[in-house]
Amino acid sequence: MLKSRGYTGRTDHKVDSKGRLSIPALIRKDIAPGQDDEVAVVLVPSGHLLLFNREYWDTSIQQNIIDQEEKIGKEKVWRAISEVSENCHMSKVDSHGRVSIPRWMLDDTGITSDAIVIGLFDRLSVWAPDRHKKWKAEENLDPIISAIGLY
């Protein structure tokens, strides 16, 4: 279940030649509150990245996966853990507020230099601009947003 940490909005960023992405300053202290804090960077099947606060990743996301054992079975949980772990990278936030993203993740997401960072309540989503535009065009979200009672 999503728990709001207050991450919302969209910002356009650059990824430098070393694969470093600046975390938006307004949320940096929350997603990486201490010096040398890590952020979980996860490649997801829809072709973008999710960034999580390390503590939230350890205590909520990982535990939620483990807690699914009774519902979906031990073997499926271990397969999910394997898939998620293979597509996850822990990145220290440097003194300039940047996270390092492995080249293979950038290649798999199509992120070259431009990146869109979107706050999704309890995580950040990082997209290549063209993939984000295509993904948004795949479905009319107005009925879904209406169904959840926002408008």
C-alpha atoms as a PDB file:
ATOM      1  CA  MET A   1       0.000   0.000   0.000  1.00  0.00           C
ATOM      2  CA  LEU A   2       1.272   3.446  -0.898  1.00  0.00           C
ATOM      3  CA  LYS A   3       1.978   5.759   1.988  1.00  0.00           C
ATOM      4  CA  SER A   4       2.352   9.424   1.193  1.00  0.00           C
ATOM      5  CA  ARG A   5       5.679  10.980   2.076  1.00  0.00           C
ATOM      6  CA  GLY A   6       4.724  14.101   0.187  1.00  0.00           C
ATOM      7  CA  TYR A   7       6.656  13.566  -3.048  1.00  0.00           C
ATOM      8  CA  THR A   8       4.666  15.237  -5.802  1.00  0.00           C
ATOM      9  CA  GLY A   9       5.314  17.274  -8.898  1.00  0.00           C
ATOM     10  CA  ARG A  10       7.524  17.019 -11.961  1.00  0.00           C
ATOM     11  CA  THR A  11      10.995  18.373 -12.585  1.00  0.00           C
ATOM     12  CA  ASP A  12      13.207  18.106 -15.639  1.00  0.00           C
ATOM     13  CA  HIS A  13      16.791  17.078 -14.994  1.00  0.00           C
ATOM     14  CA  LYS A  14      20.002  16.115 -16.726  1.00  0.00           C
ATOM     15  CA  VAL A  15      21.991  12.937 -16.214  1.00  0.00           C
ATOM     16  CA  ASP A  16      25.685  13.676 -16.580  1.00  0.00           C
ATOM     17  CA  SER A  17      28.208  11.603 -18.543  1.00  0.00           C
ATOM     18  CA  LYS A  18      29.035   9.622 -15.392  1.00  0.00           C
ATOM     19  CA  GLY A  19      25.395   8.570 -14.946  1.00  0.00           C
ATOM     20  CA  ARG A  20      24.658  10.894 -12.029  1.00  0.00           C
ATOM     21  CA  LEU A  21      21.209  12.388 -11.499  1.00  0.00           C
ATOM     22  CA  SER A  22      20.499  15.263  -9.110  1.00  0.00           C
ATOM     23  CA  ILE A  23      17.702  14.609  -6.673  1.00  0.00           C
ATOM     24  CA  PRO A  24      15.353  17.622  -6.522  1.00  0.00           C
ATOM     25  CA  ALA A  25      16.479  19.838  -3.646  1.00  0.00           C
ATOM     26  CA  LEU A  26      12.995  20.145  -2.114  1.00  0.00           C
ATOM     27  CA  ILE A  27      12.824  16.434  -1.314  1.00  0.00           C
ATOM     28  CA  ARG A  28      16.502  15.559  -0.947  1.00  0.00           C
ATOM     29  CA  LYS A  29      16.453  15.815   2.847  1.00  0.00           C
ATOM     30  CA  ASP A  30      13.546  13.382   3.035  1.00  0.00           C
ATOM     31  CA  ILE A  31      14.703  10.772   0.554  1.00  0.00           C
ATOM     32  CA  ALA A  32      18.291  10.939   1.846  1.00  0.00           C
ATOM     33  CA  PRO A  33      18.201  12.673   5.250  1.00  0.00           C
ATOM     34  CA  GLY A  34      21.757  11.984   6.416  1.00  0.00           C
ATOM     35  CA  GLN A  35      25.221  12.321   5.024  1.00  0.00           C
ATOM     36  CA  ASP A  36      26.188   9.245   2.969  1.00  0.00           C
ATOM     37  CA  ASP A  37      22.580   8.021   2.847  1.00  0.00           C
ATOM     38  CA  GLU A  38      21.642   5.582   0.148  1.00  0.00           C
ATOM     39  CA  VAL A  39      18.729   5.543  -2.245  1.00  0.00           C
ATOM     40  CA  ALA A  40      17.327   2.353  -3.769  1.00  0.00           C
ATOM     41  CA  VAL A  41      17.219   2.708  -7.575  1.00  0.00           C
ATOM     42  CA  VAL A  42      14.909   0.117  -9.144  1.00  0.00           C
ATOM     43  CA  LEU A  43      14.377  -0.640 -12.831  1.00  0.00           C
ATOM     44  CA  VAL A  44      10.725  -1.566 -13.426  1.00  0.00           C
ATOM     45  CA  PRO A  45       9.173  -3.437 -16.376  1.00  0.00           C
ATOM     46  CA  SER A  46       7.450  -0.365 -17.821  1.00  0.00           C
ATOM     47  CA  GLY A  47      10.899   1.030 -18.651  1.00  0.00           C
ATOM     48  CA  HIS A  48      11.553   3.639 -16.004  1.00  0.00           C
ATOM     49  CA  LEU A  49      13.292   3.892 -12.638  1.00  0.00           C
ATOM     50  CA  LEU A  50      11.888   4.204  -9.134  1.00  0.00           C
ATOM     51  CA  LEU A  51      13.896   5.789  -6.315  1.00  0.00           C
ATOM     52  CA  PHE A  52      13.151   5.004  -2.668  1.00  0.00           C
ATOM     53  CA  ASN A  53      14.451   6.265   0.643  1.00  0.00           C
ATOM     54  CA  ARG A  54      16.733   3.440   1.932  1.00  0.00           C
ATOM     55  CA  GLU A  55      14.953   3.098   5.269  1.00  0.00           C
ATOM     56  CA  TYR A  56      11.544   2.937   3.576  1.00  0.00           C
ATOM     57  CA  TRP A  57      12.918   0.403   1.072  1.00  0.00           C
ATOM     58  CA  ASP A  58      14.246  -1.819   3.875  1.00  0.00           C
ATOM     59  CA  THR A  59      11.279  -1.610   6.235  1.00  0.00           C
ATOM     60  CA  SER A  60       8.290  -1.285   3.898  1.00  0.00           C
ATOM     61  CA  ILE A  61       8.982  -2.383   0.335  1.00  0.00           C
ATOM     62  CA  GLN A  62      11.132  -5.422   1.074  1.00  0.00           C
ATOM     63  CA  GLN A  63       8.902  -6.500   3.954  1.00  0.00           C
ATOM     64  CA  ASN A  64       5.804  -6.160   1.790  1.00  0.00           C
ATOM     65  CA  ILE A  65       7.320  -8.562  -0.755  1.00  0.00           C
ATOM     66  CA  ILE A  66       8.195 -11.090   1.960  1.00  0.00           C
ATOM     67  CA  ASP A  67       4.706 -10.787   3.466  1.00  0.00           C
ATOM     68  CA  GLN A  68       3.150 -12.009   0.194  1.00  0.00           C
ATOM     69  CA  GLU A  69       4.377 -15.588   0.814  1.00  0.00           C
ATOM     70  CA  GLU A  70       1.079 -16.841   2.236  1.00  0.00           C
ATOM     71  CA  LYS A  71      -0.884 -15.212  -0.575  1.00  0.00           C
ATOM     72  CA  ILE A  72       1.188 -16.259  -3.611  1.00  0.00           C
ATOM     73  CA  GLY A  73       3.530 -18.969  -2.309  1.00  0.00           C
ATOM     74  CA  LYS A  74       7.130 -19.189  -1.207  1.00  0.00           C
ATOM     75  CA  GLU A  75       8.569 -20.010  -4.661  1.00  0.00           C
ATOM     76  CA  LYS A  76       6.874 -17.004  -6.297  1.00  0.00           C
ATOM     77  CA  VAL A  77       8.035 -14.706  -3.523  1.00  0.00           C
ATOM     78  CA  TRP A  78      11.628 -15.873  -3.977  1.00  0.00           C
ATOM     79  CA  ARG A  79      11.334 -15.395  -7.737  1.00  0.00           C
ATOM     80  CA  ALA A  80      10.032 -11.860  -7.127  1.00  0.00           C
ATOM     81  CA  ILE A  81      12.857 -11.149  -4.685  1.00  0.00           C
ATOM     82  CA  SER A  82      15.367 -12.399  -7.253  1.00  0.00           C
ATOM     83  CA  GLU A  83      13.887 -10.230 -10.023  1.00  0.00           C
ATOM     84  CA  VAL A  84      13.645  -7.104  -7.874  1.00  0.00           C
ATOM     85  CA  SER A  85      17.125  -7.585  -6.406  1.00  0.00           C
ATOM     86  CA  GLU A  86      18.651  -8.095  -9.846  1.00  0.00           C
ATOM     87  CA  ASN A  87      17.108  -4.831 -11.004  1.00  0.00           C
ATOM     88  CA  CYS A  88      17.974  -2.787  -7.909  1.00  0.00           C
ATOM     89  CA  HIS A  89      21.023  -0.667  -7.182  1.00  0.00           C
ATOM     90  CA  MET A  90      21.855   1.081  -3.916  1.00  0.00           C
ATOM     91  CA  SER A  91      23.364   4.475  -4.602  1.00  0.00           C
ATOM     92  CA  LYS A  92      24.929   6.843  -2.102  1.00  0.00           C
ATOM     93  CA  VAL A  93      23.790  10.419  -2.415  1.00  0.00           C
ATOM     94  CA  ASP A  94      26.925  12.482  -2.933  1.00  0.00           C
ATOM     95  CA  SER A  95      27.668  15.886  -1.431  1.00  0.00           C
ATOM     96  CA  HIS A  96      26.020  17.567  -4.443  1.00  0.00           C
ATOM     97  CA  GLY A  97      22.760  15.630  -3.999  1.00  0.00           C
ATOM     98  CA  ARG A  98      23.337  13.266  -6.913  1.00  0.00           C
ATOM     99  CA  VAL A  99      22.727   9.538  -7.206  1.00  0.00           C
ATOM    100  CA  SER A 100      24.773   7.365  -9.507  1.00  0.00           C
ATOM    101  CA  ILE A 101      22.759   5.188 -11.881  1.00  0.00           C
ATOM    102  CA  PRO A 102      24.480   2.221 -13.537  1.00  0.00           C
ATOM    103  CA  ARG A 103      24.895   2.517 -17.297  1.00  0.00           C
ATOM    104  CA  TRP A 104      22.852  -0.652 -17.953  1.00  0.00           C
ATOM    105  CA  MET A 105      19.867   0.890 -16.136  1.00  0.00           C
ATOM    106  CA  LEU A 106      20.161   4.091 -18.151  1.00  0.00           C
ATOM    107  CA  ASP A 107      20.403   2.063 -21.368  1.00  0.00           C
ATOM    108  CA  ASP A 108      17.367  -0.088 -20.465  1.00  0.00           C
ATOM    109  CA  THR A 109      15.263   3.009 -19.724  1.00  0.00           C
ATOM    110  CA  GLY A 110      16.413   5.013 -22.729  1.00  0.00           C
ATOM    111  CA  ILE A 111      17.672   7.814 -20.475  1.00  0.00           C
ATOM    112  CA  THR A 112      20.583   9.548 -22.164  1.00  0.00           C
ATOM    113  CA  SER A 113      20.976  13.054 -20.813  1.00  0.00           C
ATOM    114  CA  ASP A 114      17.437  14.367 -20.260  1.00  0.00           C
ATOM    115  CA  ALA A 115      15.316  12.864 -17.508  1.00  0.00           C
ATOM    116  CA  ILE A 116      11.926  13.604 -16.013  1.00  0.00           C
ATOM    117  CA  VAL A 117      11.633  13.146 -12.241  1.00  0.00           C
ATOM    118  CA  ILE A 118       8.105  12.758 -10.877  1.00  0.00           C
ATOM    119  CA  GLY A 119       7.064  12.520  -7.237  1.00  0.00           C
ATOM    120  CA  LEU A 120       4.721   9.558  -6.666  1.00  0.00           C
ATOM    121  CA  PHE A 121       3.834  10.049  -2.974  1.00  0.00           C
ATOM    122  CA  ASP A 122       6.328   7.582  -1.449  1.00  0.00           C
ATOM    123  CA  ARG A 123       8.818   7.263  -4.316  1.00  0.00           C
ATOM    124  CA  LEU A 124      10.324   9.121  -7.237  1.00  0.00           C
ATOM    125  CA  SER A 125       9.854   7.997 -10.814  1.00  0.00           C
ATOM    126  CA  VAL A 126      12.571   8.756 -13.388  1.00  0.00           C
ATOM    127  CA  TRP A 127      11.764   8.588 -17.101  1.00  0.00           C
ATOM    128  CA  ALA A 128      13.292   9.289 -20.478  1.00  0.00           C
ATOM    129  CA  PRO A 129      11.048  12.082 -21.846  1.00  0.00           C
ATOM    130  CA  ASP A 130       9.976  10.179 -24.972  1.00  0.00           C
ATOM    131  CA  ARG A 131       9.081   7.015 -23.054  1.00  0.00           C
ATOM    132  CA  HIS A 132       7.112   8.997 -20.498  1.00  0.00           C
ATOM    133  CA  LYS A 133       5.120  10.727 -23.230  1.00  0.00           C
ATOM    134  CA  LYS A 134       4.374   7.380 -24.914  1.00  0.00           C
ATOM    135  CA  TRP A 135       3.386   5.731 -21.613  1.00  0.00           C
ATOM    136  CA  LYS A 136       1.004   8.569 -20.743  1.00  0.00           C
ATOM    137  CA  ALA A 137      -0.635   8.336 -24.175  1.00  0.00           C
ATOM    138  CA  GLU A 138      -1.391   4.611 -23.742  1.00  0.00           C
ATOM    139  CA  GLU A 139      -4.482   5.210 -21.623  1.00  0.00           C
ATOM    140  CA  ASN A 140      -6.935   8.004 -20.917  1.00  0.00           C
ATOM    141  CA  LEU A 141      -6.451   8.564 -17.196  1.00  0.00           C
ATOM    142  CA  ASP A 142      -9.395  10.931 -16.687  1.00  0.00           C
ATOM    143  CA  PRO A 143     -11.910   8.116 -15.933  1.00  0.00           C
ATOM    144  CA  ILE A 144      -9.455   6.455 -13.544  1.00  0.00           C
ATOM    145  CA  ILE A 145      -8.760   9.686 -11.667  1.00  0.00           C
ATOM    146  CA  SER A 146     -12.496  10.351 -11.548  1.00  0.00           C
ATOM    147  CA  ALA A 147     -13.138   6.831 -10.196  1.00  0.00           C
ATOM    148  CA  ILE A 148     -10.744   7.407  -7.295  1.00  0.00           C
ATOM    149  CA  GLY A 149     -12.667  10.560  -6.438  1.00  0.00           C
ATOM    150  CA  LEU A 150     -10.172  13.277  -7.244  1.00  0.00           C
ATOM    151  CA  TYR A 151     -12.384  14.974  -9.837  1.00  0.00           C
END
